[in-house]
Amino acid sequence: ENEAVVAEVVAQAQAEGAETPDGVPAVEILKAPREIADQIKWRAGLRTWKVPGMSEIGVLYDTFDSIPEGRSLKSRTKSDYSKRGLLRSMFPPAPGRVKGLGLEECMRVLPQDQDTGAFFICLLRKNAPLPSDLENVAEGGPAETARVSGGGEEEKEGGGREGGKE
């Protein structure tokens, strides 16, 4: 599910312990502005879902731990490994794993609701740099250093401006 990707992004940011000095999480899911939400028919993001087996037709798993043991491939860490081609991050977060995630703020636009294609909309705000961002800069990787100035414009490093009216 799309929500699995969003949940993993927010969970990794929380696992890194990044937050603003005021205690706001480094990455958070925002509620869509009323101007957008009122103009389209949408459904709230999922908080739970089942994951289909990769090779077994019709088999659905509720949790990563419900997958029968088989060949396991170790990945980057012991807790992040594959069982039968499925990763832990494909499943809904365990209750209490991610506090106040807000997956219900994601928007699912379904074709049968308004004669359109299907879309998934999620607004994320990055409130603080993540430790991995700082490691990337230390290693000489690309860094996006932008700070928001008044009037809905974003001032980029080097003095340029992007954005416009709010």
Protein backbone atom coordinates (compact mmCIF):
# COMPACT_ATOMS: atom_id res chain seq x y z
CA GLU A 1 0.00 0.00 0.00
CA ASN A 2 1.05 3.60 -0.50
CA GLU A 3 0.56 4.12 3.22
CA ALA A 4 3.33 1.57 3.86
CA VAL A 5 5.83 3.86 2.11
CA VAL A 6 4.62 6.92 4.05
CA ALA A 7 4.67 5.00 7.35
CA GLU A 8 8.24 3.85 6.72
CA VAL A 9 9.46 7.37 5.92
CA VAL A 10 7.94 8.78 9.11
CA ALA A 11 9.05 5.77 11.20
CA GLN A 12 12.66 6.08 10.00
CA ALA A 13 12.67 9.79 10.85
CA GLN A 14 11.33 9.00 14.33
CA ALA A 15 13.84 6.15 14.75
CA GLU A 16 16.65 8.60 14.03
CA GLY A 17 15.26 10.74 16.87
CA ALA A 18 15.19 13.90 14.79
CA GLU A 19 12.93 16.72 15.92
CA THR A 20 12.85 20.48 16.23
CA PRO A 21 13.95 22.18 19.46
CA ASP A 22 10.23 22.47 20.32
CA GLY A 23 9.81 18.68 20.11
CA VAL A 24 8.00 18.63 16.74
CA PRO A 25 8.85 15.50 14.72
CA ALA A 26 11.32 16.00 11.88
CA VAL A 27 8.82 14.59 9.37
CA GLU A 28 5.06 14.80 9.78
CA ILE A 29 1.95 14.08 7.74
CA LEU A 30 -0.16 17.17 7.15
CA LYS A 31 -3.90 17.47 6.70
CA ALA A 32 -4.83 18.56 3.18
CA PRO A 33 -5.93 22.19 2.85
CA ARG A 34 -9.71 22.59 2.80
CA GLU A 35 -9.52 24.15 -0.70
CA ILE A 36 -8.23 20.84 -2.05
CA ALA A 37 -10.13 18.42 0.16
CA ASP A 38 -13.50 20.05 -0.57
CA GLN A 39 -13.09 19.96 -4.36
CA ILE A 40 -12.51 16.24 -4.85
CA LYS A 41 -14.10 13.04 -3.58
CA TRP A 42 -11.57 11.14 -1.54
CA ARG A 43 -11.24 8.48 1.12
CA ALA A 44 -9.05 8.57 4.20
CA GLY A 45 -5.73 6.72 4.17
CA LEU A 46 -5.60 3.19 5.51
CA ARG A 47 -4.27 2.39 8.97
CA THR A 48 -4.39 -1.38 8.48
CA TRP A 49 -4.06 -3.58 5.41
CA LYS A 50 -3.11 -7.12 4.40
CA VAL A 51 -0.13 -7.98 2.23
CA PRO A 52 -0.47 -10.62 -0.51
CA GLY A 53 2.03 -13.44 -0.71
CA MET A 54 4.55 -13.09 -3.52
CA SER A 55 4.21 -16.62 -4.88
CA GLU A 56 0.98 -17.92 -3.33
CA ILE A 57 -2.20 -16.77 -5.08
CA GLY A 58 -4.93 -15.68 -2.68
CA VAL A 59 -2.73 -15.76 0.42
CA LEU A 60 -2.87 -12.59 2.55
CA TYR A 61 -0.75 -11.85 5.60
CA ASP A 62 -1.82 -9.55 8.45
CA THR A 63 1.64 -9.07 9.93
CA PHE A 64 5.22 -9.78 9.00
CA ASP A 65 5.45 -12.26 11.87
CA SER A 66 2.49 -14.27 10.45
CA ILE A 67 4.54 -15.28 7.38
CA PRO A 68 5.68 -18.92 7.75
CA GLU A 69 9.40 -19.39 8.07
CA GLY A 70 11.13 -20.17 4.83
CA ARG A 71 14.25 -18.97 3.14
CA SER A 72 15.22 -15.71 4.81
CA LEU A 73 17.58 -13.24 3.25
CA LYS A 74 19.45 -10.90 5.53
CA SER A 75 19.34 -7.28 4.48
CA ARG A 76 20.96 -4.24 6.06
CA THR A 77 20.06 -5.08 9.66
CA LYS A 78 18.81 -8.14 11.49
CA SER A 79 15.34 -6.66 12.04
CA ASP A 80 15.00 -5.69 8.37
CA TYR A 81 15.04 -8.94 6.43
CA SER A 82 12.89 -10.60 3.83
CA LYS A 83 10.56 -13.53 4.35
CA ARG A 84 9.39 -15.11 1.12
CA GLY A 85 10.10 -11.87 -0.74
CA LEU A 86 8.16 -9.64 1.70
CA LEU A 87 9.74 -6.95 3.86
CA ARG A 88 8.65 -5.82 7.32
CA SER A 89 8.12 -2.29 5.96
CA MET A 90 5.34 -3.55 3.63
CA PHE A 91 3.07 -4.16 6.62
CA PRO A 92 1.11 -1.69 8.76
CA PRO A 93 3.11 -0.33 11.67
CA ALA A 94 2.59 -2.23 14.91
CA PRO A 95 0.42 -0.40 17.43
CA GLY A 96 2.69 1.90 19.41
CA ARG A 97 5.58 1.63 16.92
CA VAL A 98 4.97 5.08 15.51
CA LYS A 99 3.25 7.61 17.74
CA GLY A 100 0.56 9.80 16.19
CA LEU A 101 1.41 8.79 12.64
CA GLY A 102 -1.71 10.26 11.01
CA LEU A 103 -2.06 7.89 8.04
CA GLU A 104 -5.75 8.76 7.93
CA GLU A 105 -4.72 12.23 6.68
CA CYS A 106 -3.51 10.65 3.42
CA MET A 107 -6.03 10.95 0.60
CA ARG A 108 -7.10 8.09 -1.66
CA VAL A 109 -8.86 9.21 -4.83
CA LEU A 110 -10.60 6.24 -6.43
CA PRO A 111 -11.73 6.10 -10.07
CA GLN A 112 -15.26 4.92 -9.27
CA ASP A 113 -15.91 7.89 -6.99
CA GLN A 114 -15.61 10.65 -9.60
CA ASP A 115 -14.77 9.21 -13.01
CA THR A 116 -11.01 9.80 -12.79
CA GLY A 117 -7.86 7.79 -12.49
CA ALA A 118 -6.70 6.57 -9.10
CA PHE A 119 -4.44 8.85 -7.07
CA PHE A 120 -2.75 8.78 -3.68
CA ILE A 121 -2.06 12.12 -2.08
CA CYS A 122 -0.01 12.68 1.05
CA LEU A 123 1.43 15.96 2.23
CA LEU A 124 4.64 15.59 4.22
CA ARG A 125 6.47 18.39 5.96
CA LYS A 126 10.12 18.14 6.90
CA ASN A 127 10.56 20.25 10.04
CA ALA A 128 14.18 19.47 10.88
CA PRO A 129 17.22 17.87 9.26
CA LEU A 130 17.62 14.15 9.80
CA PRO A 131 20.89 12.71 11.10
CA SER A 132 21.24 10.87 7.78
CA ASP A 133 21.02 14.26 5.98
CA LEU A 134 23.91 15.53 8.06
CA GLU A 135 25.94 12.36 7.37
CA ASN A 136 25.32 12.85 3.63
CA VAL A 137 26.65 16.42 3.81
CA ALA A 138 29.68 15.27 5.82
CA GLU A 139 30.45 12.70 3.13
CA GLY A 140 30.30 15.35 0.41
CA GLY A 141 26.85 14.37 -0.92
CA PRO A 142 24.21 16.80 -2.16
CA ALA A 143 22.49 18.92 0.45
CA GLU A 144 19.34 20.92 0.05
CA THR A 145 19.58 23.88 2.35
CA ALA A 146 16.47 25.95 2.03
CA ARG A 147 14.82 28.17 4.55
CA VAL A 148 11.33 29.50 4.27
CA SER A 149 10.99 33.26 4.30
CA GLY A 150 7.85 35.38 4.57
CA GLY A 151 5.22 35.56 1.85
CA GLY A 152 5.23 31.88 0.88
CA GLU A 153 8.58 32.10 -0.90
CA GLU A 154 11.43 29.75 -0.31
CA GLU A 155 14.94 31.15 -0.25
CA LYS A 156 17.48 28.69 -1.60
CA GLU A 157 21.17 28.62 -0.85
CA GLY A 158 22.81 31.09 -3.21
CA GLY A 159 20.13 33.75 -2.81
CA GLY A 160 17.59 32.58 -5.40
CA ARG A 161 13.89 32.47 -4.67
CA GLU A 162 11.26 29.92 -5.54
CA GLY A 163 7.59 29.71 -4.79
CA GLY A 164 5.03 32.41 -5.04
CA LYS A 165 1.77 33.56 -3.63
CA GLU A 166 -0.06 31.53 -1.02
